[in-house]
Amino acid sequence: MTEFSFPNWSGRDDGAGPEHARWHNRIQIVDPSQPGLVLLGFASDEGVRRNQGQPGAVEGPAAIRAALGSFAVHHSIPLYDAGDIDVVDGDLENAQQRYGENLAGLLSQNHVTVGLGGGHEITWASYLGVRAAFPDARLGIINLDAHFDNRPGELATSGTGFAQIMKAEAGRDTLVTAMGIAEASNTADLFGRARQAGIGWMTDDRWITYPGEAGRAVAQLLEQTDIVYLTIDLDVLPAAVAPGLSAPAAYGVPLPLVSAVIDHVAASGKLVHADIAELNPRLDNDHRTAAVAARMVDRLSNAARARTMPTNP
């Protein structure tokens, strides 16, 4: 690992002993010999700036850690923090490469990783790390998002990640699905590009109306892939639940439905990496969005349990 500075963690302290465990007193420096759940932040809003959004997502990783610190821990999974990768002098592309290299190293140590954004430019950075660590695996990607993020462009932004990924994955049997897509937020061109690239999707209103269909879509992807990368743009949620975003959703998918998909994927044993994107603390209301993001990180710790516990005969 490079550029490492262990982040500050704090929170409520109820006493010594595992029965009082909270994230802030369980989190530690990464141990390569003991697989667990590792947090790796991407402190960036350069992609949001380039996509004409409101800056502030660079502060997202710190806000998620602050919200997560006092969460109680009810398992013995090792919890690690690998620090943040920063964008230096606006060089997003270099930061994405560095993030991918760091992530690939952690994945090669059999950790399950969770990326803390930052803007959704973390998608391309995460993909680079996952594919480097698992070059021959049948990859499945689930994007919980109001947007396809498949815009073409010469420069990477928070909205180009899936155009970059589908170009890189051309010729492979890679499955990509976007869930929570808002028709009003995606042009006909973007729908056409998704169709042409082979990206599946479910709109926000259909997910709400037919939640069982969403579950079947996730189950099918899990059955047909070796590993899964899950990326969560918080704008998949209603603005009342997640107001601290550059582009809060006018409609959104209720949190319990989103959580059900997260739990389904985490319990599969195939999730190797997830990330949470677009939290902008400058726009948050009473740290509401940060708390939701932290709860998602906590739920994702079950992915490490699923991958490290022995399978029953």
Protein backbone atom coordinates (compact mmCIF):
# COMPACT_ATOMS: atom_id res chain seq x y z
CA MET A 1 0.00 0.00 0.00
CA THR A 2 1.15 3.55 -0.69
CA GLU A 3 0.26 7.02 0.54
CA PHE A 4 -1.07 5.50 3.75
CA SER A 5 -2.08 7.57 6.74
CA PHE A 6 -4.39 5.83 9.17
CA PRO A 7 -7.62 7.87 9.41
CA ASN A 8 -8.96 9.25 12.67
CA TRP A 9 -11.70 7.14 14.21
CA SER A 10 -13.81 8.06 17.23
CA GLY A 11 -17.15 7.22 18.77
CA ARG A 12 -19.10 6.18 21.84
CA ASP A 13 -17.21 3.99 24.32
CA ASP A 14 -19.26 1.73 26.59
CA GLY A 15 -16.36 -0.21 28.09
CA ALA A 16 -13.82 -2.91 27.35
CA GLY A 17 -14.67 -6.32 25.94
CA PRO A 18 -16.24 -7.64 22.72
CA GLU A 19 -19.74 -7.18 24.12
CA HIS A 20 -19.18 -3.41 23.89
CA ALA A 21 -17.53 -3.44 20.47
CA ARG A 22 -18.10 -0.55 18.09
CA TRP A 23 -16.47 0.20 14.77
CA HIS A 24 -14.10 2.82 16.14
CA ASN A 25 -12.49 0.41 18.61
CA ARG A 26 -12.47 -2.58 16.27
CA ILE A 27 -10.99 -0.94 13.17
CA GLN A 28 -7.26 -1.49 12.65
CA ILE A 29 -4.42 -1.33 10.14
CA VAL A 30 -4.69 -3.97 7.42
CA ASP A 31 -3.27 -7.40 8.28
CA PRO A 32 -2.37 -9.19 5.00
CA SER A 33 -2.43 -12.58 6.74
CA GLN A 34 -5.94 -12.30 8.22
CA PRO A 35 -8.71 -11.76 5.65
CA GLY A 36 -11.48 -9.38 6.63
CA LEU A 37 -13.38 -6.31 5.49
CA VAL A 38 -11.21 -3.40 4.33
CA LEU A 39 -12.31 0.19 3.77
CA LEU A 40 -10.50 2.15 1.05
CA GLY A 41 -11.54 5.75 0.46
CA PHE A 42 -11.45 7.69 -2.80
CA ALA A 43 -11.40 11.34 -1.76
CA SER A 44 -12.46 12.90 -5.03
CA ASP A 45 -15.00 15.27 -6.47
CA GLU A 46 -12.99 16.05 -9.60
CA GLY A 47 -15.27 13.83 -11.67
CA VAL A 48 -18.32 15.62 -10.28
CA ARG A 49 -16.78 19.00 -11.19
CA ARG A 50 -16.10 17.79 -14.72
CA ASN A 51 -19.71 16.57 -14.91
CA GLN A 52 -20.94 20.07 -13.90
CA GLY A 53 -22.10 18.95 -10.46
CA GLN A 54 -21.68 20.57 -7.07
CA PRO A 55 -18.30 19.93 -5.37
CA GLY A 56 -18.03 18.49 -1.87
CA ALA A 57 -17.96 14.71 -2.38
CA VAL A 58 -14.23 14.82 -1.64
CA GLU A 59 -15.27 15.03 2.03
CA GLY A 60 -17.46 11.92 1.77
CA PRO A 61 -15.02 9.26 3.07
CA ALA A 62 -14.36 11.18 6.30
CA ALA A 63 -18.08 11.78 6.84
CA ILE A 64 -18.91 8.09 6.40
CA ARG A 65 -16.21 7.10 8.89
CA ALA A 66 -17.49 9.67 11.39
CA ALA A 67 -21.02 8.26 11.12
CA LEU A 68 -19.83 4.66 11.27
CA GLY A 69 -17.57 5.05 14.30
CA SER A 70 -20.26 4.50 16.96
CA PHE A 71 -22.05 1.66 15.17
CA ALA A 72 -22.14 -1.49 17.30
CA VAL A 73 -20.36 -4.56 15.93
CA HIS A 74 -22.11 -7.92 16.29
CA HIS A 75 -19.58 -10.21 14.62
CA SER A 76 -15.91 -11.16 14.84
CA ILE A 77 -14.96 -10.29 11.26
CA PRO A 78 -11.68 -8.32 11.20
CA LEU A 79 -12.32 -4.70 10.25
CA TYR A 80 -9.56 -2.73 8.55
CA ASP A 81 -9.01 0.75 7.13
CA ALA A 82 -6.54 1.27 4.29
CA GLY A 83 -6.90 5.05 4.22
CA ASP A 84 -7.74 7.28 1.25
CA ILE A 85 -6.47 7.84 -2.26
CA ASP A 86 -6.54 11.56 -3.08
CA VAL A 87 -6.75 13.40 -6.38
CA VAL A 88 -3.68 15.62 -6.72
CA ASP A 89 -3.80 18.79 -8.86
CA GLY A 90 -6.97 17.67 -10.61
CA ASP A 91 -5.31 14.53 -12.04
CA LEU A 92 -8.29 12.21 -11.70
CA GLU A 93 -6.96 9.59 -14.10
CA ASN A 94 -3.76 9.10 -12.12
CA ALA A 95 -5.72 8.83 -8.87
CA GLN A 96 -8.01 6.21 -10.42
CA GLN A 97 -5.00 4.16 -11.48
CA ARG A 98 -3.49 4.41 -7.99
CA TYR A 99 -6.79 3.43 -6.40
CA GLY A 100 -7.03 0.42 -8.68
CA GLU A 101 -3.51 -0.70 -7.82
CA ASN A 102 -4.13 -0.40 -4.08
CA LEU A 103 -7.47 -2.18 -4.38
CA ALA A 104 -6.00 -5.04 -6.42
CA GLY A 105 -3.37 -5.56 -3.71
CA LEU A 106 -6.02 -5.83 -1.01
CA LEU A 107 -8.15 -8.21 -3.07
CA SER A 108 -5.13 -10.42 -3.73
CA GLN A 109 -4.89 -10.85 0.06
CA ASN A 110 -8.44 -12.32 0.06
CA HIS A 111 -10.03 -9.32 1.73
CA VAL A 112 -13.51 -8.12 0.87
CA THR A 113 -13.26 -4.40 0.19
CA VAL A 114 -15.62 -1.44 0.45
CA GLY A 115 -14.81 1.82 -1.31
CA LEU A 116 -15.83 5.09 0.31
CA GLY A 117 -16.58 7.87 -2.18
CA GLY A 118 -16.16 10.49 -3.32
CA GLY A 119 -17.97 11.00 -6.57
CA HIS A 120 -19.08 8.15 -8.80
CA GLU A 121 -15.79 8.43 -10.65
CA ILE A 122 -14.85 5.79 -8.08
CA THR A 123 -16.55 3.29 -10.43
CA TRP A 124 -13.75 3.21 -12.98
CA ALA A 125 -11.14 3.15 -10.20
CA SER A 126 -12.88 0.21 -8.52
CA TYR A 127 -13.26 -1.65 -11.80
CA LEU A 128 -9.52 -1.33 -12.49
CA GLY A 129 -8.72 -2.95 -9.16
CA VAL A 130 -11.29 -5.73 -9.41
CA ARG A 131 -10.29 -6.71 -12.94
CA ALA A 132 -6.57 -6.59 -12.11
CA ALA A 133 -7.12 -8.93 -9.15
CA PHE A 134 -9.44 -11.30 -11.05
CA PRO A 135 -8.38 -11.08 -14.71
CA ASP A 136 -10.08 -14.30 -15.84
CA ALA A 137 -13.20 -14.33 -13.68
CA ARG A 138 -16.73 -14.03 -15.03
CA LEU A 139 -17.54 -10.59 -13.67
CA GLY A 140 -20.95 -9.29 -12.70
CA ILE A 141 -21.52 -5.61 -11.91
CA ILE A 142 -24.62 -4.21 -10.22
CA ASN A 143 -25.08 -0.44 -10.27
CA LEU A 144 -27.72 0.88 -7.85
CA ASP A 145 -28.17 4.32 -9.33
CA ALA A 146 -30.64 6.80 -10.77
CA HIS A 147 -28.25 7.27 -13.72
CA PHE A 148 -26.61 4.95 -16.23
CA ASP A 149 -23.27 6.84 -15.96
CA ASN A 150 -22.49 5.73 -19.50
CA ARG A 151 -21.83 9.11 -21.08
CA PRO A 152 -19.11 9.19 -23.74
CA GLY A 153 -16.25 11.59 -23.17
CA GLU A 154 -12.56 12.12 -23.73
CA LEU A 155 -12.03 12.83 -20.02
CA ALA A 156 -13.25 10.65 -17.16
CA THR A 157 -16.08 12.15 -15.09
CA SER A 158 -18.55 10.90 -12.53
CA GLY A 159 -20.83 10.05 -15.45
CA THR A 160 -18.49 8.09 -17.76
CA GLY A 161 -17.65 5.04 -15.65
CA PHE A 162 -19.83 2.50 -17.39
CA ALA A 163 -18.94 3.70 -20.87
CA GLN A 164 -15.31 3.07 -19.88
CA ILE A 165 -16.08 -0.31 -18.33
CA MET A 166 -18.13 -1.64 -21.25
CA LYS A 167 -15.39 -0.60 -23.68
CA ALA A 168 -12.76 -2.38 -21.58
CA GLU A 169 -14.94 -5.49 -21.22
CA ALA A 170 -15.78 -5.81 -24.92
CA GLY A 171 -15.70 -9.46 -25.97
CA ARG A 172 -16.10 -10.84 -22.46
CA ASP A 173 -19.16 -12.52 -20.93
CA THR A 174 -19.55 -9.73 -18.41
CA LEU A 175 -22.98 -9.02 -16.97
CA VAL A 176 -23.86 -5.45 -16.00
CA THR A 177 -27.21 -4.29 -14.67
CA ALA A 178 -28.35 -0.88 -13.43
CA MET A 179 -31.17 -0.74 -10.90
CA GLY A 180 -33.12 2.36 -9.94
CA ILE A 181 -32.72 4.19 -13.24
CA ALA A 182 -34.83 7.37 -13.40
CA GLU A 183 -36.23 7.88 -16.89
CA ALA A 184 -36.43 11.64 -16.36
CA SER A 185 -32.71 11.79 -15.57
CA ASN A 186 -31.44 9.80 -18.56
CA THR A 187 -31.85 10.83 -22.20
CA ALA A 188 -33.03 8.51 -24.96
CA ASP A 189 -29.42 8.49 -26.17
CA LEU A 190 -28.20 7.08 -22.86
CA PHE A 191 -30.89 4.38 -22.91
CA GLY A 192 -29.82 3.54 -26.47
CA ARG A 193 -26.16 3.36 -25.46
CA ALA A 194 -27.03 1.05 -22.57
CA ARG A 195 -29.01 -1.20 -24.89
CA GLN A 196 -26.21 -1.28 -27.47
CA ALA A 197 -23.57 -2.04 -24.82
CA GLY A 198 -25.62 -4.84 -23.28
CA ILE A 199 -26.32 -3.12 -19.97
CA GLY A 200 -29.52 -4.37 -18.38
CA TRP A 201 -31.65 -2.05 -16.29
CA MET A 202 -34.66 -1.67 -14.06
CA THR A 203 -36.27 1.74 -13.57
CA ASP A 204 -36.99 3.13 -10.13
CA ASP A 205 -40.77 2.92 -10.51
CA ARG A 206 -40.66 -0.68 -11.77
CA TRP A 207 -38.42 -1.71 -8.87
CA ILE A 208 -40.96 -0.27 -6.44
CA THR A 209 -43.92 -1.87 -8.20
CA TYR A 210 -42.30 -5.27 -8.77
CA PRO A 211 -39.72 -5.85 -6.01
CA GLY A 212 -39.80 -9.60 -6.65
CA GLU A 213 -38.63 -8.97 -10.20
CA ALA A 214 -35.64 -7.07 -8.83
CA GLY A 215 -34.77 -10.01 -6.60
CA ARG A 216 -34.95 -12.43 -9.52
CA ALA A 217 -32.72 -10.20 -11.65
CA VAL A 218 -30.07 -10.12 -8.92
CA ALA A 219 -30.32 -13.89 -8.40
CA GLN A 220 -29.86 -14.52 -12.12
CA LEU A 221 -26.76 -12.35 -12.27
CA LEU A 222 -25.30 -14.10 -9.24
CA GLU A 223 -25.90 -17.51 -10.79
CA GLN A 224 -24.11 -16.59 -14.01
CA THR A 225 -20.98 -14.95 -12.59
CA ASP A 226 -17.94 -15.91 -10.53
CA ILE A 227 -17.47 -12.59 -8.72
CA VAL A 228 -19.55 -9.46 -8.25
CA TYR A 229 -18.76 -5.78 -7.91
CA LEU A 230 -21.59 -3.72 -6.40
CA THR A 231 -21.60 0.05 -6.75
CA ILE A 232 -24.11 2.20 -4.90
CA ASP A 233 -24.80 5.77 -5.91
CA LEU A 234 -26.76 7.27 -3.04
CA ASP A 235 -29.00 9.14 -5.49
CA VAL A 236 -30.85 5.87 -6.01
CA LEU A 237 -32.61 6.80 -2.75
CA PRO A 238 -35.36 9.42 -2.29
CA ALA A 239 -34.13 12.94 -1.54
CA ALA A 240 -35.82 12.83 1.88
CA VAL A 241 -33.62 9.86 2.81
CA ALA A 242 -30.43 11.02 1.08
CA PRO A 243 -30.45 14.82 0.73
CA GLY A 244 -26.67 15.27 0.88
CA LEU A 245 -25.96 14.76 -2.81
CA SER A 246 -25.02 16.85 -5.81
CA ALA A 247 -28.15 15.54 -7.56
CA PRO A 248 -30.71 14.23 -5.02
CA ALA A 249 -33.47 12.06 -6.48
CA ALA A 250 -36.91 13.51 -7.12
CA TYR A 251 -38.42 10.02 -6.80
CA GLY A 252 -35.99 7.33 -5.71
CA VAL A 253 -36.29 3.78 -4.41
CA PRO A 254 -37.23 3.24 -0.73
CA LEU A 255 -34.32 2.31 1.50
CA PRO A 256 -35.69 -1.12 2.55
CA LEU A 257 -35.80 -2.25 -1.10
CA VAL A 258 -32.26 -1.03 -1.72
CA SER A 259 -31.08 -2.68 1.50
CA ALA A 260 -32.67 -5.97 0.45
CA VAL A 261 -30.56 -6.03 -2.72
CA ILE A 262 -27.42 -5.14 -0.76
CA ASP A 263 -28.11 -7.97 1.69
CA HIS A 264 -28.83 -10.43 -1.14
CA VAL A 265 -25.55 -9.68 -2.88
CA ALA A 266 -23.53 -9.59 0.36
CA ALA A 267 -24.85 -12.99 1.45
CA SER A 268 -24.04 -14.62 -1.90
CA GLY A 269 -20.36 -15.26 -1.19
CA LYS A 270 -19.52 -13.75 -4.59
CA LEU A 271 -19.20 -10.09 -3.65
CA VAL A 272 -15.54 -9.10 -3.71
CA HIS A 273 -15.89 -5.32 -3.75
CA ALA A 274 -18.57 -2.69 -3.20
CA ASP A 275 -18.42 1.08 -3.13
CA ILE A 276 -20.68 3.91 -2.03
CA ALA A 277 -20.61 7.14 -4.01
CA GLU A 278 -21.78 10.75 -4.20
CA LEU A 279 -22.16 11.67 -0.52
CA ASN A 280 -21.65 15.43 -0.30
CA PRO A 281 -21.43 16.43 3.39
CA ARG A 282 -21.68 20.13 2.51
CA LEU A 283 -25.24 19.53 1.32
CA ASP A 284 -26.28 17.03 3.99
CA ASN A 285 -29.04 17.63 6.53
CA ASP A 286 -28.13 16.62 10.12
CA HIS A 287 -25.64 14.08 8.72
CA ARG A 288 -28.65 12.09 7.48
CA THR A 289 -27.08 10.86 4.25
CA ALA A 290 -23.79 10.00 5.95
CA ALA A 291 -25.67 7.84 8.45
CA VAL A 292 -27.44 5.99 5.63
CA ALA A 293 -24.12 5.40 3.86
CA ALA A 294 -22.57 4.15 7.09
CA ARG A 295 -25.45 1.74 7.62
CA MET A 296 -24.80 0.35 4.14
CA VAL A 297 -21.12 -0.19 4.96
CA ASP A 298 -22.15 -2.03 8.12
CA ARG A 299 -24.51 -4.27 6.14
CA LEU A 300 -21.75 -5.00 3.64
CA SER A 301 -19.59 -6.49 6.38
CA ASN A 302 -21.75 -9.58 5.93
CA ALA A 303 -20.02 -10.09 2.57
CA ALA A 304 -16.77 -10.81 4.42
CA ARG A 305 -18.62 -13.29 6.63
CA ALA A 306 -20.03 -15.04 3.56
CA ARG A 307 -16.64 -15.32 1.86
CA THR A 308 -14.56 -16.32 4.89
CA MET A 309 -16.84 -18.74 6.74
CA PRO A 310 -16.58 -22.40 5.66
CA THR A 311 -19.44 -23.78 3.62
CA ASN A 312 -21.65 -26.32 5.35
CA PRO A 313 -21.33 -29.81 3.80
